[in-house]
Amino acid sequence: FSPKEKHIPWLVYNGEILADSSVIIECLQDSFNHHDDLSDVEKGITRATCRMLDDTFALLYFYYRYTIKRDEFRKYFKMATIPWFLQSFVSRQMAKNVKKRCLMNGFARYGEDHVINLGKKDIRALANILGNKNYLFGDVPTMVDATVFGHLSQILYPDLSYPWKEYIIKECPQLLDYCTRIKNKYWPDWDSLVDHDTF
């Protein structure tokens, strides 16, 4: 987590700590003068989609992973960079912090089924925006595609029993094809780079 804001992801760019993917992306776009050529409607869809994913959907799968299925998560993943004697503490702290944020958001007051259904609605919204296109706005990927891939890859690629993985495969297969397309285009060596036993 970033030293000041306590967010992930984070990085240091030109001596400044940038935390949260949306802040990082905006800074890098400005620094390298790279902005997607989008219509006002596409800019609105980009903003709404990124906010849905970063502010709600991420919390849903964090809550599911670190709270509801915490034991399964700990068994599957080795906390490779964390000393063994701190792993239980770190796991509990992550669950506590995520649960606190989700209680503030409201959905953690309900049961697991409610959390799962909220996630399915977000996934369906993404599938509806994508339709039968290669990327959200046609044949050229934009920043929002990177954001969508970043979130959906958290569901699709770890070997955890996310209910949303099955939902994507059965009900929204175009999202599975979309993620595979992005993965193959930008990370053809994905499987050789990813250590599936750690996070």
Protein backbone atom coordinates (compact mmCIF):
# COMPACT_ATOMS: atom_id res chain seq x y z
CA PHE A 1 0.00 0.00 0.00
CA SER A 2 1.16 3.55 -0.68
CA PRO A 3 2.82 5.19 2.34
CA LYS A 4 0.43 8.14 2.52
CA GLU A 5 -2.92 7.25 0.97
CA LYS A 6 -2.81 3.50 1.78
CA HIS A 7 -3.91 2.58 -1.75
CA ILE A 8 -2.82 0.06 -4.34
CA PRO A 9 -1.54 0.27 -6.96
CA TRP A 10 0.98 3.01 -6.39
CA LEU A 11 4.28 4.20 -7.82
CA VAL A 12 6.82 6.98 -7.50
CA TYR A 13 7.00 9.17 -10.61
CA ASN A 14 9.41 12.12 -10.74
CA GLY A 15 9.77 11.91 -6.97
CA GLU A 16 6.01 12.08 -6.33
CA ILE A 17 3.98 9.22 -4.88
CA LEU A 18 0.98 8.47 -7.07
CA ALA A 19 -1.65 6.17 -5.60
CA ASP A 20 -4.75 4.68 -7.24
CA SER A 21 -4.85 3.57 -10.85
CA SER A 22 -6.99 6.48 -12.08
CA VAL A 23 -4.56 9.06 -10.65
CA ILE A 24 -1.58 7.18 -12.10
CA ILE A 25 -3.16 6.91 -15.55
CA GLU A 26 -4.15 10.59 -15.63
CA CYS A 27 -0.64 11.69 -14.61
CA LEU A 28 1.04 9.47 -17.21
CA GLN A 29 -1.36 10.60 -19.95
CA ASP A 30 -0.58 14.24 -19.13
CA SER A 31 3.17 13.64 -18.80
CA PHE A 32 3.45 11.84 -22.14
CA ASN A 33 0.74 13.94 -23.82
CA HIS A 34 -1.18 10.82 -24.77
CA HIS A 35 -4.95 11.14 -24.67
CA ASP A 36 -7.44 8.94 -26.45
CA ASP A 37 -9.28 10.60 -29.34
CA LEU A 38 -12.81 10.14 -28.01
CA SER A 39 -16.15 11.85 -28.54
CA ASP A 40 -17.83 13.54 -25.57
CA VAL A 41 -20.17 10.55 -25.23
CA GLU A 42 -17.21 8.13 -25.22
CA LYS A 43 -15.44 10.29 -22.62
CA GLY A 44 -18.58 10.10 -20.47
CA ILE A 45 -18.80 6.33 -20.87
CA THR A 46 -15.09 6.05 -20.02
CA ARG A 47 -15.51 8.11 -16.85
CA ALA A 48 -18.63 6.22 -15.71
CA THR A 49 -17.11 2.81 -16.48
CA CYS A 50 -13.86 3.56 -14.65
CA ARG A 51 -15.72 4.89 -11.61
CA MET A 52 -18.00 1.83 -11.53
CA LEU A 53 -15.01 -0.50 -11.69
CA ASP A 54 -12.65 1.38 -9.35
CA ASP A 55 -15.20 2.49 -6.75
CA THR A 56 -17.65 -0.41 -6.64
CA PHE A 57 -16.65 -3.52 -8.58
CA ALA A 58 -13.13 -3.63 -7.13
CA LEU A 59 -14.56 -3.46 -3.62
CA LEU A 60 -16.94 -6.30 -4.44
CA TYR A 61 -14.20 -8.68 -5.51
CA PHE A 62 -11.85 -7.48 -2.75
CA TYR A 63 -14.61 -8.14 -0.22
CA TYR A 64 -15.29 -11.57 -1.69
CA ARG A 65 -11.58 -12.46 -1.87
CA TYR A 66 -10.29 -11.04 1.40
CA THR A 67 -13.35 -11.44 3.63
CA ILE A 68 -15.89 -14.01 2.42
CA LYS A 69 -13.29 -16.41 0.92
CA ARG A 70 -10.28 -15.34 2.98
CA ASP A 71 -9.28 -18.88 3.97
CA GLU A 72 -9.46 -20.15 0.39
CA PHE A 73 -7.44 -17.18 -0.78
CA ARG A 74 -4.74 -17.76 1.86
CA LYS A 75 -4.48 -21.47 1.04
CA TYR A 76 -4.08 -20.87 -2.67
CA PHE A 77 -1.74 -17.91 -2.67
CA LYS A 78 1.62 -17.82 -1.01
CA MET A 79 2.37 -14.40 0.39
CA ALA A 80 5.82 -14.60 -1.14
CA THR A 81 7.02 -11.14 -0.19
CA ILE A 82 5.67 -11.29 3.37
CA PRO A 83 7.56 -13.18 6.10
CA TRP A 84 5.64 -16.28 7.22
CA PHE A 85 5.23 -15.01 10.79
CA LEU A 86 3.40 -11.89 9.52
CA GLN A 87 1.16 -13.56 6.93
CA SER A 88 -1.77 -14.25 9.26
CA PHE A 89 -1.64 -10.70 10.62
CA VAL A 90 -1.47 -9.17 7.14
CA SER A 91 -4.37 -11.34 5.97
CA ARG A 92 -6.53 -10.27 8.94
CA GLN A 93 -5.64 -6.61 8.43
CA MET A 94 -6.52 -6.76 4.74
CA ALA A 95 -9.87 -8.35 5.58
CA LYS A 96 -10.53 -5.74 8.28
CA ASN A 97 -9.65 -2.79 6.02
CA VAL A 98 -11.69 -4.09 3.08
CA LYS A 99 -14.68 -4.87 5.29
CA LYS A 100 -14.56 -1.36 6.77
CA ARG A 101 -14.57 0.23 3.30
CA CYS A 102 -17.39 -2.06 2.18
CA LEU A 103 -19.47 -1.27 5.26
CA MET A 104 -19.04 2.44 4.50
CA ASN A 105 -20.11 1.72 0.93
CA GLY A 106 -23.16 -0.14 2.24
CA PHE A 107 -23.15 -3.47 0.47
CA ALA A 108 -21.24 -5.38 3.18
CA ARG A 109 -24.30 -5.06 5.42
CA TYR A 110 -26.00 -7.64 3.23
CA GLY A 111 -25.19 -11.26 2.54
CA GLU A 112 -22.93 -12.97 0.06
CA ASP A 113 -25.75 -13.35 -2.50
CA HIS A 114 -26.26 -9.57 -2.57
CA VAL A 115 -22.54 -8.98 -3.17
CA ILE A 116 -22.52 -11.56 -5.97
CA ASN A 117 -25.59 -10.05 -7.65
CA LEU A 118 -24.14 -6.53 -7.54
CA GLY A 119 -21.02 -7.84 -9.29
CA LYS A 120 -23.10 -9.61 -11.92
CA LYS A 121 -24.91 -6.35 -12.70
CA ASP A 122 -21.60 -4.55 -13.21
CA ILE A 123 -20.36 -7.37 -15.46
CA ARG A 124 -23.59 -7.29 -17.49
CA ALA A 125 -23.19 -3.51 -17.91
CA LEU A 126 -19.68 -4.06 -19.30
CA ALA A 127 -20.93 -6.77 -21.66
CA ASN A 128 -23.68 -4.43 -22.88
CA ILE A 129 -21.19 -1.63 -23.57
CA LEU A 130 -18.83 -4.01 -25.39
CA GLY A 131 -21.53 -5.69 -27.46
CA ASN A 132 -19.88 -7.48 -30.37
CA LYS A 133 -17.01 -5.00 -30.78
CA ASN A 134 -13.33 -5.90 -30.36
CA TYR A 135 -12.84 -3.12 -27.80
CA LEU A 136 -15.25 -0.86 -25.97
CA PHE A 137 -15.13 1.83 -28.66
CA GLY A 138 -14.43 -0.25 -31.75
CA ASP A 139 -11.26 -1.72 -33.20
CA VAL A 140 -8.70 0.37 -31.30
CA PRO A 141 -8.11 -0.17 -27.57
CA THR A 142 -8.23 2.90 -25.32
CA MET A 143 -7.47 3.63 -21.67
CA VAL A 144 -10.85 2.29 -20.56
CA ASP A 145 -10.01 -1.09 -22.10
CA ALA A 146 -6.88 -1.23 -19.94
CA THR A 147 -9.00 -0.48 -16.88
CA VAL A 148 -11.64 -3.08 -17.75
CA PHE A 149 -8.97 -5.70 -18.43
CA GLY A 150 -7.21 -4.89 -15.17
CA HIS A 151 -10.36 -5.59 -13.20
CA LEU A 152 -11.70 -8.57 -15.13
CA SER A 153 -8.29 -10.26 -15.09
CA GLN A 154 -8.56 -10.25 -11.28
CA ILE A 155 -11.64 -12.45 -11.70
CA LEU A 156 -10.73 -14.60 -14.69
CA TYR A 157 -7.10 -15.57 -14.21
CA PRO A 158 -6.48 -16.47 -10.55
CA ASP A 159 -7.47 -20.03 -9.77
CA LEU A 160 -10.11 -19.02 -7.22
CA SER A 161 -13.77 -19.94 -7.21
CA TYR A 162 -15.19 -16.53 -8.05
CA PRO A 163 -18.89 -16.77 -8.92
CA TRP A 164 -18.33 -13.99 -11.46
CA LYS A 165 -15.86 -16.11 -13.44
CA GLU A 166 -18.56 -18.68 -14.16
CA TYR A 167 -21.03 -15.87 -14.91
CA ILE A 168 -18.67 -14.33 -17.47
CA ILE A 169 -17.98 -17.70 -19.11
CA LYS A 170 -21.65 -18.70 -19.32
CA GLU A 171 -23.54 -15.42 -19.64
CA CYS A 172 -21.05 -12.91 -21.07
CA PRO A 173 -18.58 -14.91 -23.20
CA GLN A 174 -17.76 -11.81 -25.25
CA LEU A 175 -15.97 -10.46 -22.14
CA LEU A 176 -13.87 -13.62 -21.93
CA ASP A 177 -12.96 -13.26 -25.63
CA TYR A 178 -12.22 -9.56 -25.05
CA CYS A 179 -9.84 -10.28 -22.16
CA THR A 180 -8.14 -13.06 -24.10
CA ARG A 181 -7.70 -10.68 -27.05
CA ILE A 182 -6.07 -8.02 -24.84
CA LYS A 183 -3.91 -10.55 -23.00
CA ASN A 184 -2.64 -12.08 -26.25
CA LYS A 185 -2.03 -8.67 -27.87
CA TYR A 186 -0.07 -7.09 -25.02
CA TRP A 187 1.22 -10.08 -23.02
CA PRO A 188 1.73 -13.04 -25.36
CA ASP A 189 4.17 -14.42 -22.77
CA TRP A 190 1.66 -13.99 -19.91
CA ASP A 191 1.78 -17.59 -18.68
CA SER A 192 5.57 -17.62 -18.50
CA LEU A 193 5.63 -14.31 -16.59
CA VAL A 194 2.88 -14.96 -14.05
CA ASP A 195 3.62 -16.99 -10.96
CA HIS A 196 0.23 -18.54 -10.35
CA ASP A 197 1.09 -19.43 -6.76
CA THR A 198 1.64 -15.87 -5.56
CA PHE A 199 -0.10 -12.57 -5.85
